[in-house]
Amino acid sequence: MKKSIMFFAFILGVSSFAFAIQETWFSLGYQQAFSVDTYKDDGVATETYTVSRGANISAYRFFTDNVGIFVHGSLLFPSSGWVFNNDGLSPVDFNGYAINNQIGLILGAAFKFDITDDFNSYFGIGLDYLYASATYSGLGNVSYDRMQSSLGIGADAGVKVDLADRFFVKVGSTFTFDFARHTTLDTYNGVATGDSFSGWDKGFLMLGANPYLSVGINLFWTEDNGRFRLVTGKEK
């Protein structure tokens, strides 16, 4: 859990670098995530379907009127899921999970399309990173600590509506395609450490669609008597 909090703090720090001389959007909101992944364990393919809910933080900075960079971070908590393997489809019981969260980061190039002065569409694409941490119990006195890091490509698309010069609402979704995942799994049996595994998952692929609703603030740097100062509201 401590590692998850530290990584989310890192996301906040990366987002702060999006503030600069050109137009910047900074937003916070609610996000829901749907993902499906597949990997092979001892040659047996396993598919996992997961539904998660949580928060997102996003910053867009534009170097020109339409081109810039973006960062999108998310803190999610899986709420339901299903596993499909040789035994068929079975639900995942999250009641035995003491810790279960996902922290995601997408960073890349951003593009803005002005429909009207107060209505924009946007699109971003770049690198995707997802860190998942879980602590859960099994049969008897057995418990598990699982940490997973996956890498891939992520995209962000949606529309932005200005409610006033300073504030706006964004509706959109991120989309992810991850093709590499490293898993560390530690098993504990009472006070003694049991079997442990650490390595790259074989045959791994994961697709995700993560719709969100956010509220945010428009930010600009303006020159005043030879000095730059940060102001809120639309550029004058």
C-alpha atoms as a PDB file:
ATOM      1  CA  MET A   1       0.000   0.000   0.000  1.00  0.00           C
ATOM      2  CA  LYS A   2       2.872   2.376   0.835  1.00  0.00           C
ATOM      3  CA  LYS A   3       4.397   1.767  -2.607  1.00  0.00           C
ATOM      4  CA  SER A   4       1.047   2.538  -4.250  1.00  0.00           C
ATOM      5  CA  ILE A   5       0.736   5.853  -2.379  1.00  0.00           C
ATOM      6  CA  MET A   6       4.312   6.809  -3.299  1.00  0.00           C
ATOM      7  CA  PHE A   7       3.700   6.025  -6.969  1.00  0.00           C
ATOM      8  CA  PHE A   8       0.455   8.041  -7.040  1.00  0.00           C
ATOM      9  CA  ALA A   9       2.384  10.941  -5.478  1.00  0.00           C
ATOM     10  CA  PHE A  10       4.844  10.551  -8.366  1.00  0.00           C
ATOM     11  CA  ILE A  11       1.928  10.906 -10.799  1.00  0.00           C
ATOM     12  CA  LEU A  12       0.945  14.166  -9.106  1.00  0.00           C
ATOM     13  CA  GLY A  13       4.508  15.372  -9.478  1.00  0.00           C
ATOM     14  CA  VAL A  14       4.650  14.484 -13.172  1.00  0.00           C
ATOM     15  CA  SER A  15       1.334  16.275 -13.704  1.00  0.00           C
ATOM     16  CA  SER A  16       2.758  19.463 -12.226  1.00  0.00           C
ATOM     17  CA  PHE A  17       5.328  19.629 -15.036  1.00  0.00           C
ATOM     18  CA  ALA A  18       2.466  20.136 -17.485  1.00  0.00           C
ATOM     19  CA  PHE A  19       2.112  23.748 -16.322  1.00  0.00           C
ATOM     20  CA  ALA A  20       3.967  26.090 -18.687  1.00  0.00           C
ATOM     21  CA  ILE A  21       3.705  29.206 -20.839  1.00  0.00           C
ATOM     22  CA  GLN A  22       0.969  27.914 -23.152  1.00  0.00           C
ATOM     23  CA  GLU A  23      -2.599  26.848 -22.394  1.00  0.00           C
ATOM     24  CA  THR A  24      -2.902  24.136 -19.746  1.00  0.00           C
ATOM     25  CA  TRP A  25      -5.855  22.039 -18.571  1.00  0.00           C
ATOM     26  CA  PHE A  26      -5.722  20.470 -15.132  1.00  0.00           C
ATOM     27  CA  SER A  27      -8.550  18.171 -14.015  1.00  0.00           C
ATOM     28  CA  LEU A  28      -9.677  15.628 -11.428  1.00  0.00           C
ATOM     29  CA  GLY A  29     -12.531  13.181 -11.705  1.00  0.00           C
ATOM     30  CA  TYR A  30     -14.169   9.788 -11.433  1.00  0.00           C
ATOM     31  CA  GLN A  31     -13.064   6.876 -13.615  1.00  0.00           C
ATOM     32  CA  GLN A  32     -14.350   3.375 -14.266  1.00  0.00           C
ATOM     33  CA  ALA A  33     -12.212   0.736 -15.910  1.00  0.00           C
ATOM     34  CA  PHE A  34     -12.922  -2.435 -17.869  1.00  0.00           C
ATOM     35  CA  SER A  35     -10.038  -4.727 -18.773  1.00  0.00           C
ATOM     36  CA  VAL A  36      -9.400  -8.192 -20.124  1.00  0.00           C
ATOM     37  CA  ASP A  37      -6.017  -9.885 -20.048  1.00  0.00           C
ATOM     38  CA  THR A  38      -4.660 -13.236 -21.077  1.00  0.00           C
ATOM     39  CA  TYR A  39      -1.476 -15.091 -20.140  1.00  0.00           C
ATOM     40  CA  LYS A  40      -0.163 -18.647 -20.041  1.00  0.00           C
ATOM     41  CA  ASP A  41       0.613 -20.573 -16.844  1.00  0.00           C
ATOM     42  CA  ASP A  42       2.368 -23.883 -17.494  1.00  0.00           C
ATOM     43  CA  GLY A  43       1.098 -23.702 -21.058  1.00  0.00           C
ATOM     44  CA  VAL A  44      -2.532 -23.191 -19.984  1.00  0.00           C
ATOM     45  CA  ALA A  45      -4.161 -19.965 -21.176  1.00  0.00           C
ATOM     46  CA  THR A  46      -6.033 -17.955 -18.559  1.00  0.00           C
ATOM     47  CA  GLU A  47      -8.265 -14.937 -19.239  1.00  0.00           C
ATOM     48  CA  THR A  48      -9.199 -12.421 -16.554  1.00  0.00           C
ATOM     49  CA  TYR A  49     -11.994  -9.838 -16.811  1.00  0.00           C
ATOM     50  CA  THR A  50     -11.877  -6.985 -14.283  1.00  0.00           C
ATOM     51  CA  VAL A  51     -14.130  -4.025 -13.465  1.00  0.00           C
ATOM     52  CA  SER A  52     -12.531  -1.232 -11.407  1.00  0.00           C
ATOM     53  CA  ARG A  53     -13.577   2.163 -10.039  1.00  0.00           C
ATOM     54  CA  GLY A  54     -11.610   5.115  -8.744  1.00  0.00           C
ATOM     55  CA  ALA A  55     -10.188   8.559  -9.445  1.00  0.00           C
ATOM     56  CA  ASN A  56      -8.167  10.155 -12.214  1.00  0.00           C
ATOM     57  CA  ILE A  57      -5.906  13.192 -12.510  1.00  0.00           C
ATOM     58  CA  SER A  58      -4.995  14.705 -15.862  1.00  0.00           C
ATOM     59  CA  ALA A  59      -2.989  17.601 -17.275  1.00  0.00           C
ATOM     60  CA  TYR A  60      -2.752  18.816 -20.884  1.00  0.00           C
ATOM     61  CA  ARG A  61      -0.187  21.420 -21.924  1.00  0.00           C
ATOM     62  CA  PHE A  62      -0.200  22.890 -25.451  1.00  0.00           C
ATOM     63  CA  PHE A  63       2.918  24.343 -27.075  1.00  0.00           C
ATOM     64  CA  THR A  64       0.854  25.661 -29.979  1.00  0.00           C
ATOM     65  CA  ASP A  65      -2.876  26.183 -30.421  1.00  0.00           C
ATOM     66  CA  ASN A  66      -3.391  22.496 -31.137  1.00  0.00           C
ATOM     67  CA  VAL A  67      -0.310  20.395 -30.275  1.00  0.00           C
ATOM     68  CA  GLY A  68       1.216  19.584 -26.905  1.00  0.00           C
ATOM     69  CA  ILE A  69       1.766  16.854 -24.312  1.00  0.00           C
ATOM     70  CA  PHE A  70      -0.461  15.183 -21.733  1.00  0.00           C
ATOM     71  CA  VAL A  71      -0.274  13.010 -18.641  1.00  0.00           C
ATOM     72  CA  HIS A  72      -3.181  10.961 -17.296  1.00  0.00           C
ATOM     73  CA  GLY A  73      -2.965   9.187 -13.949  1.00  0.00           C
ATOM     74  CA  SER A  74      -5.484   6.912 -12.278  1.00  0.00           C
ATOM     75  CA  LEU A  75      -5.981   5.264  -8.894  1.00  0.00           C
ATOM     76  CA  LEU A  76      -8.420   2.358  -9.239  1.00  0.00           C
ATOM     77  CA  PHE A  77      -9.871  -0.343  -7.022  1.00  0.00           C
ATOM     78  CA  PRO A  78     -11.109  -3.588  -8.629  1.00  0.00           C
ATOM     79  CA  SER A  79     -14.720  -4.275  -7.634  1.00  0.00           C
ATOM     80  CA  SER A  80     -15.646  -7.373  -9.630  1.00  0.00           C
ATOM     81  CA  GLY A  81     -14.005  -9.856 -11.948  1.00  0.00           C
ATOM     82  CA  TRP A  82     -14.124 -13.220 -13.648  1.00  0.00           C
ATOM     83  CA  VAL A  83     -11.504 -15.806 -14.597  1.00  0.00           C
ATOM     84  CA  PHE A  84     -11.787 -18.121 -17.601  1.00  0.00           C
ATOM     85  CA  ASN A  85      -9.528 -21.170 -17.938  1.00  0.00           C
ATOM     86  CA  ASN A  86      -9.798 -24.949 -18.443  1.00  0.00           C
ATOM     87  CA  ASP A  87     -12.222 -25.084 -15.515  1.00  0.00           C
ATOM     88  CA  GLY A  88     -14.613 -22.663 -17.215  1.00  0.00           C
ATOM     89  CA  LEU A  89     -15.759 -19.200 -16.119  1.00  0.00           C
ATOM     90  CA  SER A  90     -15.721 -18.388 -12.411  1.00  0.00           C
ATOM     91  CA  PRO A  91     -16.150 -15.102 -10.469  1.00  0.00           C
ATOM     92  CA  VAL A  92     -13.342 -13.562  -8.418  1.00  0.00           C
ATOM     93  CA  ASP A  93     -14.183 -13.135  -4.737  1.00  0.00           C
ATOM     94  CA  PHE A  94     -12.628  -9.866  -3.526  1.00  0.00           C
ATOM     95  CA  ASN A  95     -13.851 -10.331   0.069  1.00  0.00           C
ATOM     96  CA  GLY A  96     -10.550 -11.946   1.017  1.00  0.00           C
ATOM     97  CA  TYR A  97      -8.462  -9.024  -0.281  1.00  0.00           C
ATOM     98  CA  ALA A  98      -6.866  -6.767   2.342  1.00  0.00           C
ATOM     99  CA  ILE A  99      -5.233  -4.599  -0.360  1.00  0.00           C
ATOM    100  CA  ASN A 100      -6.296  -4.403  -3.990  1.00  0.00           C
ATOM    101  CA  ASN A 101      -5.507  -1.388  -6.154  1.00  0.00           C
ATOM    102  CA  GLN A 102      -4.227  -0.319  -9.553  1.00  0.00           C
ATOM    103  CA  ILE A 103      -2.216   2.795 -10.373  1.00  0.00           C
ATOM    104  CA  GLY A 104      -1.924   3.802 -14.018  1.00  0.00           C
ATOM    105  CA  LEU A 105       0.020   6.427 -15.944  1.00  0.00           C
ATOM    106  CA  ILE A 106      -0.212   7.424 -19.612  1.00  0.00           C
ATOM    107  CA  LEU A 107       2.219  10.029 -20.965  1.00  0.00           C
ATOM    108  CA  GLY A 108       2.493  11.208 -24.550  1.00  0.00           C
ATOM    109  CA  ALA A 109       1.626  13.632 -27.347  1.00  0.00           C
ATOM    110  CA  ALA A 110      -1.640  15.615 -27.246  1.00  0.00           C
ATOM    111  CA  PHE A 111      -3.828  17.160 -29.947  1.00  0.00           C
ATOM    112  CA  LYS A 112      -6.682  19.668 -29.523  1.00  0.00           C
ATOM    113  CA  PHE A 113      -9.493  20.353 -31.986  1.00  0.00           C
ATOM    114  CA  ASP A 114     -11.521  23.555 -31.478  1.00  0.00           C
ATOM    115  CA  ILE A 115     -15.187  23.106 -32.352  1.00  0.00           C
ATOM    116  CA  THR A 116     -16.230  26.415 -30.753  1.00  0.00           C
ATOM    117  CA  ASP A 117     -14.542  28.750 -28.244  1.00  0.00           C
ATOM    118  CA  ASP A 118     -16.101  26.792 -25.371  1.00  0.00           C
ATOM    119  CA  PHE A 119     -16.210  23.295 -26.855  1.00  0.00           C
ATOM    120  CA  ASN A 120     -13.105  21.260 -27.729  1.00  0.00           C
ATOM    121  CA  SER A 121     -12.319  17.691 -28.578  1.00  0.00           C
ATOM    122  CA  TYR A 122      -8.918  16.197 -27.790  1.00  0.00           C
ATOM    123  CA  PHE A 123      -6.801  13.140 -28.401  1.00  0.00           C
ATOM    124  CA  GLY A 124      -3.572  11.914 -26.834  1.00  0.00           C
ATOM    125  CA  ILE A 125      -1.407   8.863 -27.377  1.00  0.00           C
ATOM    126  CA  GLY A 126       1.734   7.624 -25.668  1.00  0.00           C
ATOM    127  CA  LEU A 127       3.269   5.105 -23.282  1.00  0.00           C
ATOM    128  CA  ASP A 128       1.129   3.273 -20.723  1.00  0.00           C
ATOM    129  CA  TYR A 129       2.257   1.890 -17.362  1.00  0.00           C
ATOM    130  CA  LEU A 130       0.059   0.063 -14.854  1.00  0.00           C
ATOM    131  CA  TYR A 131       1.060  -1.036 -11.356  1.00  0.00           C
ATOM    132  CA  ALA A 132      -1.258  -3.444  -9.516  1.00  0.00           C
ATOM    133  CA  SER A 133      -0.850  -4.467  -5.877  1.00  0.00           C
ATOM    134  CA  ALA A 134      -2.887  -7.083  -4.013  1.00  0.00           C
ATOM    135  CA  THR A 135      -2.742  -8.839  -0.648  1.00  0.00           C
ATOM    136  CA  TYR A 136      -5.246 -11.643  -0.181  1.00  0.00           C
ATOM    137  CA  SER A 137      -5.844 -14.846   1.738  1.00  0.00           C
ATOM    138  CA  GLY A 138      -6.388 -18.377   0.481  1.00  0.00           C
ATOM    139  CA  LEU A 139      -7.372 -21.663   2.027  1.00  0.00           C
ATOM    140  CA  GLY A 140      -6.255 -22.363   5.570  1.00  0.00           C
ATOM    141  CA  ASN A 141      -3.581 -20.049   6.876  1.00  0.00           C
ATOM    142  CA  VAL A 142      -2.123 -19.174   3.471  1.00  0.00           C
ATOM    143  CA  SER A 143      -1.858 -15.560   2.267  1.00  0.00           C
ATOM    144  CA  TYR A 144      -0.387 -13.931  -0.839  1.00  0.00           C
ATOM    145  CA  ASP A 145       1.293 -10.667  -1.822  1.00  0.00           C
ATOM    146  CA  ARG A 146       1.120  -9.953  -5.552  1.00  0.00           C
ATOM    147  CA  MET A 147       2.714  -7.063  -7.420  1.00  0.00           C
ATOM    148  CA  GLN A 148       2.362  -6.611 -11.179  1.00  0.00           C
ATOM    149  CA  SER A 149       3.798  -4.023 -13.555  1.00  0.00           C
ATOM    150  CA  SER A 150       2.585  -3.894 -17.151  1.00  0.00           C
ATOM    151  CA  LEU A 151       3.760  -1.817 -20.106  1.00  0.00           C
ATOM    152  CA  GLY A 152       2.115  -0.857 -23.360  1.00  0.00           C
ATOM    153  CA  ILE A 153       0.482   1.882 -25.397  1.00  0.00           C
ATOM    154  CA  GLY A 154      -2.266   4.168 -24.116  1.00  0.00           C
ATOM    155  CA  ALA A 155      -4.603   6.724 -25.664  1.00  0.00           C
ATOM    156  CA  ASP A 156      -6.964   9.358 -24.282  1.00  0.00           C
ATOM    157  CA  ALA A 157      -9.903  10.877 -26.166  1.00  0.00           C
ATOM    158  CA  GLY A 158     -12.898  12.993 -25.247  1.00  0.00           C
ATOM    159  CA  VAL A 159     -14.594  16.374 -25.269  1.00  0.00           C
ATOM    160  CA  LYS A 160     -14.105  19.440 -23.056  1.00  0.00           C
ATOM    161  CA  VAL A 161     -16.854  21.961 -22.337  1.00  0.00           C
ATOM    162  CA  ASP A 162     -16.013  25.286 -20.680  1.00  0.00           C
ATOM    163  CA  LEU A 163     -18.561  26.224 -18.046  1.00  0.00           C
ATOM    164  CA  ALA A 164     -16.855  29.613 -17.493  1.00  0.00           C
ATOM    165  CA  ASP A 165     -13.503  31.183 -18.304  1.00  0.00           C
ATOM    166  CA  ARG A 166     -11.863  29.253 -15.470  1.00  0.00           C
ATOM    167  CA  PHE A 167     -13.705  25.953 -15.151  1.00  0.00           C
ATOM    168  CA  PHE A 168     -14.592  23.103 -17.484  1.00  0.00           C
ATOM    169  CA  VAL A 169     -15.997  19.581 -17.638  1.00  0.00           C
ATOM    170  CA  LYS A 170     -14.360  16.732 -19.564  1.00  0.00           C
ATOM    171  CA  VAL A 171     -16.014  13.502 -20.681  1.00  0.00           C
ATOM    172  CA  GLY A 172     -13.809  10.888 -22.253  1.00  0.00           C
ATOM    173  CA  SER A 173     -12.038   7.579 -21.976  1.00  0.00           C
ATOM    174  CA  THR A 174      -8.554   6.163 -21.982  1.00  0.00           C
ATOM    175  CA  PHE A 175      -7.761   3.051 -23.989  1.00  0.00           C
ATOM    176  CA  THR A 176      -4.822   0.774 -23.261  1.00  0.00           C
ATOM    177  CA  PHE A 177      -3.029  -2.086 -24.974  1.00  0.00           C
ATOM    178  CA  ASP A 178      -0.387  -3.686 -22.760  1.00  0.00           C
ATOM    179  CA  PHE A 179       1.943  -6.355 -24.119  1.00  0.00           C
ATOM    180  CA  ALA A 180       4.414  -7.014 -21.269  1.00  0.00           C
ATOM    181  CA  ARG A 181       3.819  -7.725 -17.568  1.00  0.00           C
ATOM    182  CA  HIS A 182       6.150  -8.598 -14.724  1.00  0.00           C
ATOM    183  CA  THR A 183       4.644 -10.427 -11.733  1.00  0.00           C
ATOM    184  CA  THR A 184       6.020 -10.993  -8.244  1.00  0.00           C
ATOM    185  CA  LEU A 185       4.015 -13.373  -6.050  1.00  0.00           C
ATOM    186  CA  ASP A 186       5.009 -14.184  -2.468  1.00  0.00           C
ATOM    187  CA  THR A 187       3.207 -16.941  -0.576  1.00  0.00           C
ATOM    188  CA  TYR A 188       3.028 -17.044   3.239  1.00  0.00           C
ATOM    189  CA  ASN A 189       2.029 -20.032   5.312  1.00  0.00           C
ATOM    190  CA  GLY A 190       1.682 -18.930   8.916  1.00  0.00           C
ATOM    191  CA  VAL A 191       4.908 -17.245   9.992  1.00  0.00           C
ATOM    192  CA  ALA A 192       7.038 -19.076   7.416  1.00  0.00           C
ATOM    193  CA  THR A 193       7.532 -17.786   3.889  1.00  0.00           C
ATOM    194  CA  GLY A 194       6.334 -20.236   1.285  1.00  0.00           C
ATOM    195  CA  ASP A 195       6.955 -20.376  -2.457  1.00  0.00           C
ATOM    196  CA  SER A 196       7.744 -17.166  -4.320  1.00  0.00           C
ATOM    197  CA  PHE A 197       7.653 -16.316  -8.025  1.00  0.00           C
ATOM    198  CA  SER A 198       9.084 -13.371  -9.921  1.00  0.00           C
ATOM    199  CA  GLY A 199       9.216 -13.091 -13.695  1.00  0.00           C
ATOM    200  CA  TRP A 200       7.588 -11.957 -16.917  1.00  0.00           C
ATOM    201  CA  ASP A 201       4.202 -13.468 -17.729  1.00  0.00           C
ATOM    202  CA  LYS A 202       4.237 -15.601 -20.851  1.00  0.00           C
ATOM    203  CA  GLY A 203       1.819 -14.900 -23.690  1.00  0.00           C
ATOM    204  CA  PHE A 204       0.538 -11.774 -21.934  1.00  0.00           C
ATOM    205  CA  LEU A 205      -1.814  -9.277 -23.603  1.00  0.00           C
ATOM    206  CA  MET A 206      -4.261  -6.846 -21.979  1.00  0.00           C
ATOM    207  CA  LEU A 207      -6.905  -4.505 -23.382  1.00  0.00           C
ATOM    208  CA  GLY A 208      -8.584  -1.782 -21.357  1.00  0.00           C
ATOM    209  CA  ALA A 209     -11.324   0.837 -21.823  1.00  0.00           C
ATOM    210  CA  ASN A 210     -11.635   3.369 -19.007  1.00  0.00           C
ATOM    211  CA  PRO A 211     -14.373   6.033 -19.286  1.00  0.00           C
ATOM    212  CA  TYR A 212     -14.242   9.050 -16.971  1.00  0.00           C
ATOM    213  CA  LEU A 213     -15.940  12.307 -15.996  1.00  0.00           C
ATOM    214  CA  SER A 214     -13.697  15.146 -14.779  1.00  0.00           C
ATOM    215  CA  VAL A 215     -13.888  18.775 -13.703  1.00  0.00           C
ATOM    216  CA  GLY A 216     -10.959  21.106 -14.180  1.00  0.00           C
ATOM    217  CA  ILE A 217      -9.448  24.549 -14.428  1.00  0.00           C
ATOM    218  CA  ASN A 218      -7.941  26.482 -17.358  1.00  0.00           C
ATOM    219  CA  LEU A 219      -4.428  27.801 -16.654  1.00  0.00           C
ATOM    220  CA  PHE A 220      -2.181  30.247 -18.521  1.00  0.00           C
ATOM    221  CA  TRP A 221       1.049  32.110 -18.024  1.00  0.00           C
ATOM    222  CA  THR A 222       0.813  35.811 -18.858  1.00  0.00           C
ATOM    223  CA  GLU A 223       3.479  38.523 -19.134  1.00  0.00           C
ATOM    224  CA  ASP A 224       3.075  41.475 -16.767  1.00  0.00           C
ATOM    225  CA  ASN A 225       5.749  44.222 -16.815  1.00  0.00           C
ATOM    226  CA  GLY A 226       8.366  41.799 -18.067  1.00  0.00           C
ATOM    227  CA  ARG A 227       7.416  39.086 -15.576  1.00  0.00           C
ATOM    228  CA  PHE A 228       5.469  35.911 -16.124  1.00  0.00           C
ATOM    229  CA  ARG A 229       2.693  34.989 -13.706  1.00  0.00           C
ATOM    230  CA  LEU A 230       0.230  32.122 -13.610  1.00  0.00           C
ATOM    231  CA  VAL A 231      -3.421  33.043 -14.085  1.00  0.00           C
ATOM    232  CA  THR A 232      -6.649  31.100 -14.265  1.00  0.00           C
ATOM    233  CA  GLY A 233      -9.225  31.559 -16.973  1.00  0.00           C
ATOM    234  CA  LYS A 234      -9.019  31.666 -20.726  1.00  0.00           C
ATOM    235  CA  GLU A 235      -6.187  33.372 -22.511  1.00  0.00           C
ATOM    236  CA  LYS A 236      -6.921  37.022 -23.283  1.00  0.00           C
END
